[in-house]
Protein backbone atom coordinates (compact mmCIF):
# COMPACT_ATOMS: atom_id res chain seq x y z
CA GLN A 1 101.93 87.76 121.93
CA ALA A 2 98.95 86.23 120.18
CA LEU A 3 99.79 88.15 116.98
CA TRP A 4 103.44 87.02 117.24
CA GLY A 5 102.32 83.40 117.53
CA CYS A 6 99.94 83.72 114.57
CA GLY A 7 102.66 85.30 112.44
CA ALA A 8 105.15 82.58 113.37
CA GLY A 9 102.53 79.97 112.44
CA GLN A 10 102.03 81.64 109.05
CA LEU A 11 105.79 81.61 108.40
CA LEU A 12 105.96 77.91 109.29
CA ALA A 13 102.91 77.02 107.17
CA GLU A 14 104.23 78.83 104.09
CA THR A 15 107.65 77.22 104.46
CA LEU A 16 106.07 73.76 104.80
CA LYS A 17 104.03 74.40 101.62
CA ALA A 18 107.18 75.44 99.77
CA ALA A 19 108.97 72.29 100.98
CA GLY A 20 106.44 70.14 99.13
CA SER A 21 104.50 67.00 99.93
CA ASP A 22 107.60 64.79 100.27
CA LEU A 23 108.78 66.60 103.41
CA THR A 24 112.34 65.92 104.53
CA THR A 25 114.78 67.92 106.60
CA ASP A 26 116.64 68.81 103.40
CA SER A 27 113.50 69.96 101.55
CA TYR A 28 112.42 72.05 104.55
CA LEU A 29 115.85 73.70 104.89
CA LYS A 30 115.97 74.39 101.15
CA ALA A 31 112.53 76.03 101.29
CA LEU A 32 113.47 77.98 104.43
CA GLU A 33 116.79 79.20 103.06
CA SER A 34 115.29 80.22 99.70
CA GLN A 35 113.07 82.90 101.27
CA GLN A 36 114.29 86.26 99.94
CA ASN A 37 112.31 89.38 100.83
CA ALA A 38 109.27 87.11 101.22
CA LYS A 39 106.05 88.58 102.62
CA LEU A 40 104.60 85.46 104.30
CA SER A 41 102.56 87.11 107.06
CA ASP A 42 100.63 90.34 107.54
CA VAL A 43 101.99 90.45 111.08
CA PHE A 44 105.68 90.58 110.12
CA PRO A 45 107.68 92.55 107.56
CA ALA A 46 109.18 90.67 104.61
CA ILE A 47 111.88 88.17 105.55
CA SER A 48 115.12 86.96 103.97
CA LEU A 49 116.87 83.79 105.05
CA SER A 50 120.02 81.97 104.01
CA PRO A 51 122.14 78.96 105.06
CA THR A 52 123.82 81.21 107.65
CA ARG A 53 120.70 83.16 108.68
CA HIS A 54 117.75 81.17 110.02
CA LEU A 55 116.36 83.89 112.32
CA ALA A 56 113.52 85.28 110.24
CA LEU A 57 113.06 88.62 111.91
CA ASP A 58 115.17 91.46 113.20
CA SER A 59 112.22 93.86 113.42
CA MET A 60 108.45 93.81 113.87
CA TYR A 61 105.50 96.15 114.20
CA LEU A 62 104.73 97.22 117.74
CA ILE A 63 101.06 96.66 118.58
CA THR A 64 99.67 98.58 121.55
CA LEU A 65 96.27 99.12 123.09
CA GLU A 66 95.12 102.72 122.98
CA ASN A 67 91.65 103.76 124.18
CA GLY A 68 90.44 100.18 123.81
CA GLN A 69 91.71 99.91 120.20
CA LEU A 70 94.73 98.08 118.81
CA LYS A 71 97.25 100.47 117.30
CA SER A 72 100.27 99.51 115.17
CA SER A 73 103.52 101.43 114.81
CA ASP A 74 103.90 103.01 111.36
CA GLU A 75 107.19 101.21 110.70
CA PRO A 76 108.67 97.94 111.96
CA LEU A 77 110.85 98.47 115.02
CA PRO A 78 114.16 96.65 115.60
CA LEU A 79 114.03 93.65 117.96
CA GLN A 80 116.29 94.02 120.95
């Protein structure tokens, strides 16, 4: 959950940067909706958004603890 939160924070920070210093709802939505196959976080796969798709992710890497070490799935897994 900590990695999920960090990744979500990275997505938000990058979108705020893209929106520019004169932040408005319109500039934020334009920046959000312009993300196409954007790799904004090492935690999540690349994302694509649009005016009809604001949910950034439909898959993510599964991180588990194995023998005291964090282990990542080789490929992103679909969110259910």
